[in-house]
Amino acid sequence: MATAKQIQYRLQLAKKTLTRLNKDLKATTSKIKKLEAQLKKAKAAEKAAKAKKSKAKRPAKKAPAKRAAKKR
């Protein structure tokens, strides 16, 4: 069986690890939020560019052809 000192040491290590991981978790969460915001902006920009491009590609409407009068 482990001594009290060994258990205290392991407990301290576990607490240090937990503290470090919590800091990493907060940092990672904030990075994720920033990246999601960037993704949202990029998608909106792509959509706008695509709409602008497709609008520019449309050919001008041609005037309807005149029909010749029918002979009876």
Protein backbone atom coordinates (compact mmCIF):
# COMPACT_ATOMS: atom_id res chain seq x y z
CA MET A 1 0.00 0.00 0.00
CA ALA A 2 1.16 3.56 -0.78
CA THR A 3 2.29 5.89 1.94
CA ALA A 4 0.54 9.17 2.72
CA LYS A 5 3.41 11.17 1.17
CA GLN A 6 3.17 9.20 -2.09
CA ILE A 7 -0.57 9.76 -2.25
CA GLN A 8 -0.12 13.49 -1.56
CA TYR A 9 2.49 13.71 -4.32
CA ARG A 10 0.23 11.97 -6.84
CA LEU A 11 -2.67 14.19 -5.79
CA GLN A 12 -0.56 17.32 -6.36
CA LEU A 13 0.47 16.06 -9.80
CA ALA A 14 -3.14 15.34 -10.66
CA LYS A 15 -4.20 18.83 -9.53
CA LYS A 16 -1.42 20.45 -11.60
CA THR A 17 -2.45 18.42 -14.64
CA LEU A 18 -6.09 19.36 -14.14
CA THR A 19 -5.23 23.06 -13.85
CA ARG A 20 -3.12 22.95 -17.01
CA LEU A 21 -5.83 21.13 -18.92
CA ASN A 22 -8.49 23.61 -17.81
CA LYS A 23 -6.33 26.48 -19.10
CA ASP A 24 -5.84 24.64 -22.38
CA LEU A 25 -9.56 23.98 -22.59
CA LYS A 26 -10.42 27.65 -22.16
CA ALA A 27 -7.84 28.67 -24.76
CA THR A 28 -9.03 26.04 -27.20
CA THR A 29 -12.66 27.03 -26.71
CA SER A 30 -11.88 30.65 -27.49
CA LYS A 31 -9.88 29.60 -30.58
CA ILE A 32 -12.82 27.51 -31.77
CA LYS A 33 -15.19 30.45 -31.38
CA LYS A 34 -12.86 32.72 -33.36
CA LEU A 35 -12.46 30.15 -36.12
CA GLU A 36 -16.23 29.59 -36.32
CA ALA A 37 -16.74 33.33 -36.70
CA GLN A 38 -14.13 33.44 -39.48
CA LEU A 39 -15.82 30.49 -41.19
CA LYS A 40 -19.18 32.21 -41.04
CA LYS A 41 -17.73 35.38 -42.58
CA ALA A 42 -15.91 33.40 -45.28
CA LYS A 43 -19.08 31.51 -46.23
CA ALA A 44 -21.04 34.76 -46.46
CA ALA A 45 -18.31 36.32 -48.62
CA GLU A 46 -18.24 33.27 -50.90
CA LYS A 47 -21.98 33.33 -51.27
CA ALA A 48 -21.96 37.04 -52.09
CA ALA A 49 -19.16 36.59 -54.62
CA LYS A 50 -20.95 33.67 -56.23
CA ALA A 51 -24.20 35.65 -56.50
CA LYS A 52 -22.35 38.65 -57.94
CA LYS A 53 -20.51 36.44 -60.43
CA SER A 54 -23.65 34.64 -61.61
CA LYS A 55 -25.46 37.97 -61.97
CA ALA A 56 -22.63 39.31 -64.14
CA LYS A 57 -22.57 36.17 -66.33
CA ARG A 58 -26.20 36.42 -67.42
CA PRO A 59 -26.43 37.54 -71.06
CA ALA A 60 -28.55 40.54 -71.94
CA LYS A 61 -32.09 39.74 -72.98
CA LYS A 62 -32.60 39.69 -76.72
CA ALA A 63 -35.49 41.53 -78.30
CA PRO A 64 -38.21 39.13 -79.43
CA ALA A 65 -38.06 38.30 -83.13
CA LYS A 66 -40.73 39.93 -85.28
CA ARG A 67 -43.07 37.49 -86.91
CA ALA A 68 -43.98 37.80 -90.54
CA ALA A 69 -47.65 38.34 -91.27
CA LYS A 70 -49.45 35.21 -92.41
CA LYS A 71 -50.76 35.12 -95.97
CA ARG A 72 -54.31 33.92 -96.47
